[in-house]
Amino acid sequence: MSGKNNDDYRPFAFVDDLEQNRHIVLLYDDQKYAFWIIARYFLNGLTKGESCIFFTSDDPDEIEKRLNYEGIDVRYYKNNNMLRVYTIERSDDNKRETLSTLMHIRKDATIGMKPPFRFAGRTITDTETMEGMRMGIILEEVGHKNFDSFDNSQLCLYDISKIEKSMRPQWIHDLLKAHHCVIYASEPDKAVAFDTILIEDIET
């Protein structure tokens, strides 16, 4: 069943109320629920005239099919230069990302598109090794520290089952600290969404 037919899915209300220029981490254990959130997030932006870009190392055609299934008219928005699937090369995972590199990727991914922008995906694809997750956390922390300079919204995707296992709780803790909000896309009775500042308040 598609997310477009499940308006009572708990995180949708949170996604609908998101302000612009938010850095969001999406944790999931089933891609079906992840694409419910991604499609809702993109549709909200597209209906406001925002440009949406999906970062992926997977087959772009498969991503477009999933978005289409969730109610996004991919052909229409692509033809109007409002939706793009941007391919990230897996070979880039070994590079030490810097702020300038992030800015370059952002510029390259949005060529010919008009702001404001909404991004979804990740620029580091290796989450199954300790080194890959270390690189991912560094990238997230640099991006979050300088997020205001990007002037966009971003939804960062993490399949919990693929996060390096030996330090998984610590990785997730670090991801939450490097984002404004977290959405856990799972079965309806388990799915939650909230601002990460709530965790900071508890810890302090």
N, C-alpha and C. Protein backbone atom coordinates (compact mmCIF):
# COMPACT_ATOMS: atom_id res chain seq x y z
N MET A 1 0.84 -1.19 0.00
CA MET A 1 0.00 0.00 0.00
C MET A 1 0.87 1.25 0.00
N SER A 2 0.45 2.28 -0.68
CA SER A 2 1.22 3.50 -0.80
C SER A 2 0.93 4.46 0.34
N GLY A 3 1.95 5.30 0.65
CA GLY A 3 1.79 6.29 1.70
C GLY A 3 0.74 7.33 1.38
N LYS A 4 0.49 7.55 0.08
CA LYS A 4 -0.51 8.56 -0.30
C LYS A 4 -1.92 8.16 0.14
N ASN A 5 -2.09 6.87 0.46
CA ASN A 5 -3.39 6.37 0.93
C ASN A 5 -3.42 6.18 2.44
N ASN A 6 -2.40 6.73 3.13
CA ASN A 6 -2.31 6.56 4.58
C ASN A 6 -2.04 7.91 5.25
N ASP A 7 -2.96 8.83 5.08
CA ASP A 7 -2.78 10.17 5.62
C ASP A 7 -2.71 10.20 7.15
N ASP A 8 -3.12 9.13 7.81
CA ASP A 8 -3.06 9.10 9.27
C ASP A 8 -1.71 8.59 9.77
N TYR A 9 -0.75 8.34 8.86
CA TYR A 9 0.58 7.91 9.27
C TYR A 9 1.20 9.01 10.14
N ARG A 10 1.54 8.68 11.37
CA ARG A 10 1.88 9.67 12.39
C ARG A 10 2.92 10.72 11.98
N PRO A 11 4.06 10.35 11.35
CA PRO A 11 5.06 11.37 11.02
C PRO A 11 4.63 12.38 9.95
N PHE A 12 3.55 12.09 9.20
CA PHE A 12 3.14 13.00 8.13
C PHE A 12 2.83 14.40 8.67
N ALA A 13 2.15 14.47 9.81
CA ALA A 13 1.81 15.78 10.38
C ALA A 13 3.06 16.57 10.69
N PHE A 14 4.09 15.87 11.18
CA PHE A 14 5.36 16.53 11.48
C PHE A 14 6.01 17.05 10.20
N VAL A 15 6.02 16.21 9.15
CA VAL A 15 6.61 16.61 7.86
C VAL A 15 5.86 17.80 7.28
N ASP A 16 4.54 17.80 7.40
CA ASP A 16 3.73 18.89 6.85
C ASP A 16 4.01 20.22 7.56
N ASP A 17 4.42 20.15 8.81
CA ASP A 17 4.65 21.37 9.60
C ASP A 17 6.10 21.84 9.59
N LEU A 18 6.97 21.12 8.86
CA LEU A 18 8.38 21.47 8.85
C LEU A 18 8.60 22.87 8.27
N GLU A 19 9.44 23.64 8.94
CA GLU A 19 9.83 24.94 8.42
C GLU A 19 10.91 24.76 7.36
N GLN A 20 11.13 25.81 6.57
CA GLN A 20 12.19 25.76 5.57
C GLN A 20 13.55 25.71 6.25
N ASN A 21 14.54 25.25 5.48
CA ASN A 21 15.93 25.22 5.92
C ASN A 21 16.13 24.38 7.18
N ARG A 22 15.52 23.20 7.18
CA ARG A 22 15.71 22.27 8.30
C ARG A 22 16.58 21.10 7.85
N HIS A 23 17.43 20.65 8.76
CA HIS A 23 18.32 19.52 8.52
C HIS A 23 17.73 18.32 9.26
N ILE A 24 17.21 17.37 8.52
CA ILE A 24 16.42 16.27 9.09
C ILE A 24 17.12 14.94 8.83
N VAL A 25 17.17 14.07 9.83
CA VAL A 25 17.66 12.72 9.63
C VAL A 25 16.46 11.77 9.61
N LEU A 26 16.40 10.95 8.58
CA LEU A 26 15.35 9.95 8.43
C LEU A 26 15.95 8.57 8.68
N LEU A 27 15.57 7.96 9.78
CA LEU A 27 15.99 6.60 10.11
C LEU A 27 14.86 5.64 9.74
N TYR A 28 15.20 4.51 9.15
CA TYR A 28 14.15 3.58 8.74
C TYR A 28 14.68 2.15 8.74
N ASP A 29 13.77 1.21 8.80
CA ASP A 29 14.14 -0.20 8.70
C ASP A 29 13.37 -0.89 7.59
N ASP A 30 12.62 -0.11 6.82
CA ASP A 30 11.87 -0.64 5.68
C ASP A 30 11.75 0.49 4.66
N GLN A 31 12.26 0.26 3.44
CA GLN A 31 12.26 1.32 2.43
C GLN A 31 10.86 1.80 2.07
N LYS A 32 9.87 0.95 2.26
CA LYS A 32 8.50 1.36 1.96
C LYS A 32 8.13 2.59 2.77
N TYR A 33 8.40 2.53 4.06
CA TYR A 33 8.05 3.66 4.93
C TYR A 33 8.95 4.86 4.67
N ALA A 34 10.20 4.59 4.33
CA ALA A 34 11.12 5.70 4.01
C ALA A 34 10.59 6.49 2.83
N PHE A 35 10.10 5.81 1.80
CA PHE A 35 9.60 6.51 0.62
C PHE A 35 8.26 7.18 0.88
N TRP A 36 7.52 6.72 1.86
CA TRP A 36 6.32 7.46 2.26
C TRP A 36 6.73 8.87 2.71
N ILE A 37 7.78 8.92 3.54
CA ILE A 37 8.25 10.20 4.08
C ILE A 37 8.89 11.05 2.98
N ILE A 38 9.75 10.44 2.19
CA ILE A 38 10.45 11.18 1.12
C ILE A 38 9.45 11.81 0.16
N ALA A 39 8.46 11.04 -0.25
CA ALA A 39 7.47 11.55 -1.19
C ALA A 39 6.66 12.69 -0.58
N ARG A 40 6.28 12.54 0.68
CA ARG A 40 5.51 13.60 1.36
C ARG A 40 6.35 14.88 1.45
N TYR A 41 7.59 14.71 1.83
CA TYR A 41 8.54 15.82 1.96
C TYR A 41 8.72 16.54 0.61
N PHE A 42 8.90 15.78 -0.46
CA PHE A 42 9.05 16.36 -1.78
C PHE A 42 7.76 17.01 -2.27
N LEU A 43 6.64 16.32 -2.10
CA LEU A 43 5.36 16.87 -2.56
C LEU A 43 5.05 18.20 -1.89
N ASN A 44 5.33 18.29 -0.60
CA ASN A 44 5.11 19.55 0.11
C ASN A 44 5.93 20.67 -0.50
N GLY A 45 7.17 20.36 -0.88
CA GLY A 45 8.01 21.36 -1.50
C GLY A 45 7.58 21.70 -2.92
N LEU A 46 7.26 20.69 -3.70
CA LEU A 46 6.87 20.90 -5.11
C LEU A 46 5.61 21.75 -5.21
N THR A 47 4.66 21.51 -4.32
CA THR A 47 3.41 22.29 -4.37
C THR A 47 3.65 23.75 -3.97
N LYS A 48 4.78 24.01 -3.32
CA LYS A 48 5.13 25.39 -2.97
C LYS A 48 6.06 26.03 -4.01
N GLY A 49 6.37 25.28 -5.07
CA GLY A 49 7.25 25.80 -6.11
C GLY A 49 8.73 25.60 -5.84
N GLU A 50 9.06 24.74 -4.87
CA GLU A 50 10.46 24.48 -4.55
C GLU A 50 11.03 23.41 -5.49
N SER A 51 12.35 23.42 -5.67
CA SER A 51 13.04 22.43 -6.48
C SER A 51 13.55 21.30 -5.58
N CYS A 52 13.33 20.05 -6.00
CA CYS A 52 13.66 18.89 -5.17
C CYS A 52 14.71 18.02 -5.86
N ILE A 53 15.73 17.63 -5.10
CA ILE A 53 16.83 16.83 -5.64
C ILE A 53 17.04 15.62 -4.75
N PHE A 54 17.10 14.44 -5.35
CA PHE A 54 17.32 13.20 -4.63
C PHE A 54 18.73 12.70 -4.94
N PHE A 55 19.58 12.56 -3.92
CA PHE A 55 20.93 12.02 -4.08
C PHE A 55 20.90 10.51 -3.90
N THR A 56 21.50 9.78 -4.84
CA THR A 56 21.48 8.32 -4.73
C THR A 56 22.63 7.70 -5.50
N SER A 57 23.06 6.52 -5.06
CA SER A 57 24.01 5.72 -5.83
C SER A 57 23.28 4.55 -6.48
N ASP A 58 21.97 4.48 -6.27
CA ASP A 58 21.15 3.42 -6.86
C ASP A 58 20.70 3.81 -8.27
N ASP A 59 20.00 2.91 -8.92
CA ASP A 59 19.49 3.15 -10.26
C ASP A 59 18.48 4.30 -10.23
N PRO A 60 18.75 5.42 -10.94
CA PRO A 60 17.82 6.55 -10.92
C PRO A 60 16.41 6.19 -11.38
N ASP A 61 16.31 5.27 -12.34
CA ASP A 61 14.99 4.86 -12.83
C ASP A 61 14.16 4.22 -11.73
N GLU A 62 14.81 3.42 -10.87
CA GLU A 62 14.10 2.79 -9.77
C GLU A 62 13.61 3.82 -8.76
N ILE A 63 14.43 4.83 -8.50
CA ILE A 63 14.03 5.90 -7.59
C ILE A 63 12.82 6.63 -8.15
N GLU A 64 12.86 6.93 -9.44
CA GLU A 64 11.74 7.64 -10.07
C GLU A 64 10.46 6.80 -10.02
N LYS A 65 10.59 5.50 -10.21
CA LYS A 65 9.42 4.63 -10.14
C LYS A 65 8.81 4.67 -8.74
N ARG A 66 9.65 4.65 -7.70
CA ARG A 66 9.15 4.69 -6.33
C ARG A 66 8.45 6.01 -6.03
N LEU A 67 9.03 7.12 -6.50
CA LEU A 67 8.42 8.42 -6.28
C LEU A 67 7.09 8.52 -7.02
N ASN A 68 7.07 7.98 -8.23
CA ASN A 68 5.84 7.98 -9.03
C ASN A 68 4.75 7.19 -8.32
N TYR A 69 5.12 6.04 -7.77
CA TYR A 69 4.16 5.19 -7.08
C TYR A 69 3.57 5.89 -5.87
N GLU A 70 4.37 6.75 -5.26
CA GLU A 70 3.91 7.47 -4.07
C GLU A 70 3.16 8.76 -4.40
N GLY A 71 2.85 8.96 -5.67
CA GLY A 71 1.97 10.07 -6.02
C GLY A 71 2.63 11.29 -6.62
N ILE A 72 3.94 11.22 -6.89
CA ILE A 72 4.62 12.35 -7.53
C ILE A 72 4.62 12.15 -9.04
N ASP A 73 4.15 13.14 -9.78
CA ASP A 73 4.17 13.09 -11.24
C ASP A 73 5.59 13.41 -11.70
N VAL A 74 6.44 12.40 -11.69
CA VAL A 74 7.87 12.58 -11.95
C VAL A 74 8.12 13.23 -13.31
N ARG A 75 7.45 12.75 -14.35
CA ARG A 75 7.67 13.31 -15.69
C ARG A 75 7.34 14.80 -15.73
N TYR A 76 6.22 15.17 -15.12
CA TYR A 76 5.81 16.58 -15.13
C TYR A 76 6.85 17.46 -14.43
N TYR A 77 7.25 17.06 -13.23
CA TYR A 77 8.17 17.90 -12.46
C TYR A 77 9.58 17.88 -13.05
N LYS A 78 9.99 16.76 -13.66
CA LYS A 78 11.28 16.75 -14.35
C LYS A 78 11.26 17.68 -15.56
N ASN A 79 10.17 17.62 -16.32
CA ASN A 79 10.06 18.48 -17.50
C ASN A 79 10.05 19.96 -17.14
N ASN A 80 9.57 20.26 -15.94
CA ASN A 80 9.54 21.65 -15.48
C ASN A 80 10.77 22.00 -14.64
N ASN A 81 11.75 21.10 -14.66
CA ASN A 81 13.04 21.32 -13.98
C ASN A 81 12.88 21.59 -12.49
N MET A 82 11.93 20.89 -11.88
CA MET A 82 11.69 21.05 -10.44
C MET A 82 12.06 19.79 -9.66
N LEU A 83 12.36 18.70 -10.37
CA LEU A 83 12.70 17.44 -9.71
C LEU A 83 13.87 16.80 -10.45
N ARG A 84 14.84 16.32 -9.66
CA ARG A 84 16.03 15.71 -10.27
C ARG A 84 16.53 14.60 -9.37
N VAL A 85 16.95 13.48 -10.00
CA VAL A 85 17.65 12.41 -9.29
C VAL A 85 19.11 12.53 -9.66
N TYR A 86 19.93 12.82 -8.67
CA TYR A 86 21.35 13.12 -8.88
C TYR A 86 22.18 11.94 -8.41
N THR A 87 23.00 11.40 -9.29
CA THR A 87 23.77 10.19 -8.98
C THR A 87 25.06 10.52 -8.23
N ILE A 88 25.24 9.86 -7.09
CA ILE A 88 26.47 9.95 -6.31
C ILE A 88 27.29 8.70 -6.60
N GLU A 89 28.55 8.89 -6.96
CA GLU A 89 29.42 7.75 -7.25
C GLU A 89 29.91 7.13 -5.96
N ARG A 90 29.84 5.82 -5.86
CA ARG A 90 30.30 5.14 -4.65
C ARG A 90 31.80 5.34 -4.43
N SER A 91 32.56 5.58 -5.48
CA SER A 91 33.99 5.78 -5.34
C SER A 91 34.31 7.04 -4.54
N ASP A 92 33.34 7.95 -4.43
CA ASP A 92 33.55 9.18 -3.68
C ASP A 92 33.55 8.95 -2.18
N ASP A 93 33.16 7.75 -1.74
CA ASP A 93 33.05 7.49 -0.30
C ASP A 93 34.38 7.62 0.42
N ASN A 94 35.47 7.38 -0.27
CA ASN A 94 36.77 7.38 0.38
C ASN A 94 37.39 8.77 0.48
N LYS A 95 36.74 9.76 -0.07
CA LYS A 95 37.27 11.11 -0.05
C LYS A 95 36.88 11.81 1.25
N ARG A 96 37.81 12.60 1.79
CA ARG A 96 37.50 13.37 2.99
C ARG A 96 36.74 14.61 2.58
N GLU A 97 35.45 14.57 2.84
CA GLU A 97 34.58 15.67 2.42
C GLU A 97 34.89 16.92 3.22
N THR A 98 34.85 18.06 2.56
CA THR A 98 35.05 19.35 3.21
C THR A 98 33.85 20.22 2.90
N LEU A 99 33.78 21.37 3.56
CA LEU A 99 32.69 22.29 3.29
C LEU A 99 32.67 22.73 1.83
N SER A 100 33.87 22.97 1.27
CA SER A 100 33.93 23.39 -0.13
C SER A 100 33.43 22.29 -1.06
N THR A 101 33.70 21.03 -0.71
CA THR A 101 33.21 19.91 -1.51
C THR A 101 31.70 19.82 -1.44
N LEU A 102 31.14 20.03 -0.24
CA LEU A 102 29.69 20.01 -0.09
C LEU A 102 29.04 21.12 -0.91
N MET A 103 29.65 22.29 -0.89
CA MET A 103 29.11 23.41 -1.65
C MET A 103 29.17 23.12 -3.15
N HIS A 104 30.25 22.45 -3.58
CA HIS A 104 30.40 22.11 -5.00
C HIS A 104 29.31 21.12 -5.42
N ILE A 105 29.08 20.10 -4.60
CA ILE A 105 28.05 19.10 -4.92
C ILE A 105 26.69 19.77 -5.01
N ARG A 106 26.40 20.66 -4.05
CA ARG A 106 25.13 21.38 -4.05
C ARG A 106 24.97 22.19 -5.34
N LYS A 107 26.03 22.88 -5.73
CA LYS A 107 25.98 23.71 -6.94
C LYS A 107 25.77 22.86 -8.18
N ASP A 108 26.51 21.75 -8.27
CA ASP A 108 26.43 20.87 -9.44
C ASP A 108 25.05 20.21 -9.54
N ALA A 109 24.49 19.81 -8.39
CA ALA A 109 23.20 19.10 -8.38
C ALA A 109 22.04 20.00 -8.76
N THR A 110 22.19 21.30 -8.62
CA THR A 110 21.07 22.22 -8.84
C THR A 110 21.22 23.08 -10.09
N ILE A 111 22.15 22.74 -10.97
CA ILE A 111 22.35 23.52 -12.19
C ILE A 111 21.04 23.65 -12.96
N GLY A 112 20.68 24.87 -13.29
CA GLY A 112 19.47 25.11 -14.07
C GLY A 112 18.18 25.10 -13.29
N MET A 113 18.26 24.86 -11.97
CA MET A 113 17.07 24.81 -11.14
C MET A 113 16.97 26.09 -10.31
N LYS A 114 15.76 26.42 -9.90
CA LYS A 114 15.54 27.65 -9.13
C LYS A 114 15.35 27.33 -7.65
N PRO A 115 15.95 28.15 -6.77
CA PRO A 115 15.69 27.99 -5.33
C PRO A 115 14.28 28.45 -5.00
N PRO A 116 13.79 28.07 -3.81
CA PRO A 116 14.48 27.30 -2.76
C PRO A 116 14.57 25.81 -3.10
N PHE A 117 15.53 25.14 -2.44
CA PHE A 117 15.80 23.73 -2.74
C PHE A 117 15.45 22.82 -1.56
N ARG A 118 15.04 21.60 -1.93
CA ARG A 118 14.88 20.51 -0.95
C ARG A 118 15.72 19.34 -1.44
N PHE A 119 16.56 18.83 -0.53
CA PHE A 119 17.39 17.67 -0.86
C PHE A 119 16.95 16.46 -0.03
N ALA A 120 17.17 15.29 -0.59
CA ALA A 120 16.99 14.04 0.15
C ALA A 120 18.08 13.08 -0.30
N GLY A 121 18.57 12.26 0.62
CA GLY A 121 19.61 11.29 0.28
C GLY A 121 20.84 11.49 1.14
N ARG A 122 21.99 11.01 0.64
CA ARG A 122 23.28 11.17 1.31
C ARG A 122 24.37 11.28 0.26
N THR A 123 25.46 11.96 0.61
CA THR A 123 26.61 12.01 -0.30
C THR A 123 27.66 10.97 0.06
N ILE A 124 27.53 10.35 1.23
CA ILE A 124 28.37 9.21 1.62
C ILE A 124 27.47 7.99 1.65
N THR A 125 27.84 6.96 0.88
CA THR A 125 26.95 5.80 0.77
C THR A 125 27.34 4.63 1.67
N ASP A 126 28.59 4.62 2.16
CA ASP A 126 29.05 3.51 2.99
C ASP A 126 28.68 3.74 4.45
N THR A 127 27.70 3.00 4.93
CA THR A 127 27.32 3.09 6.35
C THR A 127 27.56 1.76 7.08
N GLU A 128 28.09 0.78 6.37
CA GLU A 128 28.22 -0.56 6.94
C GLU A 128 29.58 -0.82 7.58
N THR A 129 30.54 0.10 7.39
CA THR A 129 31.85 -0.06 8.00
C THR A 129 32.10 1.08 8.99
N MET A 130 33.02 0.87 9.92
CA MET A 130 33.34 1.90 10.89
C MET A 130 33.91 3.14 10.20
N GLU A 131 34.79 2.92 9.22
CA GLU A 131 35.38 4.06 8.52
C GLU A 131 34.32 4.84 7.74
N GLY A 132 33.43 4.11 7.10
CA GLY A 132 32.37 4.77 6.36
C GLY A 132 31.48 5.61 7.26
N MET A 133 31.12 5.06 8.43
CA MET A 133 30.28 5.82 9.36
C MET A 133 31.04 7.00 9.96
N ARG A 134 32.33 6.82 10.24
CA ARG A 134 33.11 7.96 10.74
C ARG A 134 33.08 9.10 9.72
N MET A 135 33.29 8.75 8.46
CA MET A 135 33.26 9.76 7.40
C MET A 135 31.89 10.41 7.32
N GLY A 136 30.85 9.58 7.44
CA GLY A 136 29.49 10.10 7.37
C GLY A 136 29.19 11.07 8.50
N ILE A 137 29.63 10.74 9.72
CA ILE A 137 29.39 11.61 10.87
C ILE A 137 30.15 12.93 10.70
N ILE A 138 31.40 12.85 10.23
CA ILE A 138 32.17 14.07 10.01
C ILE A 138 31.45 14.97 9.01
N LEU A 139 30.98 14.38 7.94
CA LEU A 139 30.27 15.13 6.92
C LEU A 139 29.00 15.76 7.47
N GLU A 140 28.24 14.99 8.26
CA GLU A 140 27.01 15.51 8.84
C GLU A 140 27.30 16.66 9.81
N GLU A 141 28.36 16.52 10.61
CA GLU A 141 28.69 17.57 11.58
C GLU A 141 29.13 18.85 10.88
N VAL A 142 29.96 18.72 9.85
CA VAL A 142 30.40 19.90 9.08
C VAL A 142 29.20 20.56 8.41
N GLY A 143 28.35 19.73 7.80
CA GLY A 143 27.17 20.27 7.14
C GLY A 143 26.23 20.96 8.10
N HIS A 144 26.04 20.36 9.28
CA HIS A 144 25.11 20.94 10.25
C HIS A 144 25.65 22.25 10.83
N LYS A 145 26.93 22.28 11.10
CA LYS A 145 27.56 23.48 11.65
C LYS A 145 27.42 24.67 10.70
N ASN A 146 27.46 24.37 9.41
CA ASN A 146 27.40 25.43 8.39
C ASN A 146 26.07 25.45 7.63
N PHE A 147 25.05 24.84 8.24
CA PHE A 147 23.81 24.61 7.50
C PHE A 147 23.14 25.90 7.04
N ASP A 148 23.22 26.94 7.82
CA ASP A 148 22.57 28.20 7.43
C ASP A 148 23.12 28.75 6.12
N SER A 149 24.40 28.45 5.84
CA SER A 149 25.01 28.97 4.61
C SER A 149 24.51 28.26 3.36
N PHE A 150 23.93 27.06 3.53
CA PHE A 150 23.42 26.32 2.38
C PHE A 150 22.07 26.86 1.90
N ASP A 151 21.27 27.39 2.81
CA ASP A 151 19.97 27.95 2.47
C ASP A 151 19.10 26.94 1.73
N ASN A 152 18.91 25.77 2.32
CA ASN A 152 18.04 24.74 1.75
C ASN A 152 17.55 23.83 2.87
N SER A 153 16.60 22.96 2.55
CA SER A 153 16.17 21.91 3.47
C SER A 153 16.83 20.61 3.03
N GLN A 154 17.11 19.72 3.99
CA GLN A 154 17.78 18.48 3.63
C GLN A 154 17.30 17.33 4.51
N LEU A 155 16.97 16.22 3.85
CA LEU A 155 16.52 15.00 4.51
C LEU A 155 17.59 13.94 4.28
N CYS A 156 18.31 13.55 5.33
CA CYS A 156 19.41 12.59 5.24
C CYS A 156 18.90 11.19 5.60
N LEU A 157 19.14 10.22 4.74
CA LEU A 157 18.53 8.89 4.88
C LEU A 157 19.51 7.86 5.44
N TYR A 158 19.05 7.11 6.44
CA TYR A 158 19.88 6.04 7.02
C TYR A 158 19.03 4.81 7.29
N ASP A 159 19.39 3.71 6.63
CA ASP A 159 18.77 2.41 6.90
C ASP A 159 19.42 1.86 8.17
N ILE A 160 18.66 1.78 9.24
CA ILE A 160 19.22 1.36 10.53
C ILE A 160 19.87 -0.02 10.44
N SER A 161 19.29 -0.91 9.67
CA SER A 161 19.83 -2.27 9.57
C SER A 161 21.20 -2.31 8.91
N LYS A 162 21.56 -1.25 8.19
CA LYS A 162 22.85 -1.23 7.49
C LYS A 162 23.91 -0.39 8.19
N ILE A 163 23.54 0.27 9.28
CA ILE A 163 24.54 1.04 10.03
C ILE A 163 25.48 0.09 10.75
N GLU A 164 26.76 0.36 10.71
CA GLU A 164 27.78 -0.49 11.32
C GLU A 164 27.35 -0.90 12.73
N LYS A 165 27.37 -2.20 12.97
CA LYS A 165 26.68 -2.76 14.13
C LYS A 165 27.37 -2.53 15.47
N SER A 166 28.70 -2.59 15.53
CA SER A 166 29.39 -2.58 16.82
C SER A 166 29.20 -1.27 17.58
N MET A 167 28.98 -0.17 16.85
CA MET A 167 28.80 1.13 17.49
C MET A 167 27.48 1.78 17.07
N ARG A 168 26.53 0.97 16.67
CA ARG A 168 25.27 1.52 16.14
C ARG A 168 24.60 2.52 17.07
N PRO A 169 24.44 2.23 18.37
CA PRO A 169 23.80 3.22 19.25
C PRO A 169 24.54 4.56 19.26
N GLN A 170 25.88 4.50 19.26
CA GLN A 170 26.67 5.74 19.28
C GLN A 170 26.52 6.50 17.96
N TRP A 171 26.53 5.76 16.84
CA TRP A 171 26.37 6.42 15.53
C TRP A 171 25.02 7.15 15.48
N ILE A 172 23.97 6.48 15.93
CA ILE A 172 22.64 7.09 15.89
C ILE A 172 22.59 8.31 16.80
N HIS A 173 23.19 8.20 17.97
CA HIS A 173 23.25 9.34 18.90
C HIS A 173 23.95 10.53 18.22
N ASP A 174 25.07 10.26 17.54
CA ASP A 174 25.82 11.32 16.87
C ASP A 174 25.04 11.91 15.70
N LEU A 175 24.30 11.08 15.00
CA LEU A 175 23.47 11.58 13.90
C LEU A 175 22.39 12.52 14.42
N LEU A 176 21.77 12.16 15.53
CA LEU A 176 20.72 13.01 16.08
C LEU A 176 21.28 14.37 16.49
N LYS A 177 22.50 14.39 17.03
CA LYS A 177 23.11 15.65 17.46
C LYS A 177 23.45 16.55 16.28
N ALA A 178 23.58 15.96 15.09
CA ALA A 178 23.99 16.72 13.90
C ALA A 178 22.81 17.06 13.00
N HIS A 179 21.59 17.05 13.55
CA HIS A 179 20.40 17.38 12.78
C HIS A 179 19.41 18.16 13.65
N HIS A 180 18.54 18.90 13.01
CA HIS A 180 17.50 19.63 13.74
C HIS A 180 16.35 18.73 14.16
N CYS A 181 16.07 17.72 13.34
CA CYS A 181 14.89 16.86 13.57
C CYS A 181 15.24 15.42 13.22
N VAL A 182 14.47 14.49 13.79
CA VAL A 182 14.60 13.08 13.44
C VAL A 182 13.22 12.51 13.13
N ILE A 183 13.17 11.68 12.10
CA ILE A 183 11.96 10.94 11.76
C ILE A 183 12.34 9.46 11.72
N TYR A 184 11.62 8.65 12.49
CA TYR A 184 11.81 7.21 12.42
C TYR A 184 10.63 6.64 11.65
N ALA A 185 10.90 6.22 10.41
CA ALA A 185 9.86 5.69 9.54
C ALA A 185 9.81 4.17 9.69
N SER A 186 8.77 3.70 10.33
CA SER A 186 8.60 2.28 10.59
C SER A 186 7.11 1.96 10.52
N GLU A 187 6.74 0.81 11.07
CA GLU A 187 5.33 0.46 11.12
C GLU A 187 4.56 1.56 11.85
N PRO A 188 3.31 1.80 11.47
CA PRO A 188 2.56 2.94 12.02
C PRO A 188 2.57 3.06 13.53
N ASP A 189 2.56 1.94 14.26
CA ASP A 189 2.53 2.04 15.72
C ASP A 189 3.89 2.31 16.34
N LYS A 190 4.94 2.30 15.52
CA LYS A 190 6.30 2.56 16.01
C LYS A 190 6.89 3.87 15.49
N ALA A 191 6.33 4.39 14.42
CA ALA A 191 6.90 5.57 13.77
C ALA A 191 6.77 6.82 14.64
N VAL A 192 7.84 7.60 14.71
CA VAL A 192 7.83 8.84 15.49
C VAL A 192 8.62 9.92 14.76
N ALA A 193 8.41 11.17 15.17
CA ALA A 193 9.16 12.29 14.63
C ALA A 193 9.19 13.40 15.67
N PHE A 194 10.35 14.04 15.83
CA PHE A 194 10.46 15.11 16.83
C PHE A 194 11.71 15.94 16.57
N ASP A 195 11.77 17.11 17.21
CA ASP A 195 12.95 17.97 17.14
C ASP A 195 14.03 17.41 18.07
N THR A 196 15.26 17.36 17.59
CA THR A 196 16.33 16.76 18.39
C THR A 196 16.72 17.62 19.58
N ILE A 197 16.32 18.86 19.62
CA ILE A 197 16.61 19.69 20.78
C ILE A 197 15.97 19.11 22.05
N LEU A 198 14.93 18.32 21.88
CA LEU A 198 14.31 17.66 23.03
C LEU A 198 15.28 16.70 23.70
N ILE A 199 16.11 16.03 22.89
CA ILE A 199 17.11 15.12 23.44
C ILE A 199 18.18 15.90 24.16
N GLU A 200 18.60 17.03 23.57
CA GLU A 200 19.63 17.86 24.20
C GLU A 200 19.15 18.35 25.56
N ASP A 201 17.87 18.71 25.63
CA ASP A 201 17.31 19.19 26.91
C ASP A 201 17.36 18.11 27.97
N ILE A 202 17.08 16.86 27.56
CA ILE A 202 17.11 15.74 28.51
C ILE A 202 18.53 15.47 28.98
N GLU A 203 19.50 15.54 28.04
CA GLU A 203 20.88 15.23 28.37
C GLU A 203 21.51 16.28 29.29
N THR A 204 21.01 17.51 29.20
CA THR A 204 21.56 18.57 30.03
C THR A 204 20.77 18.72 31.33
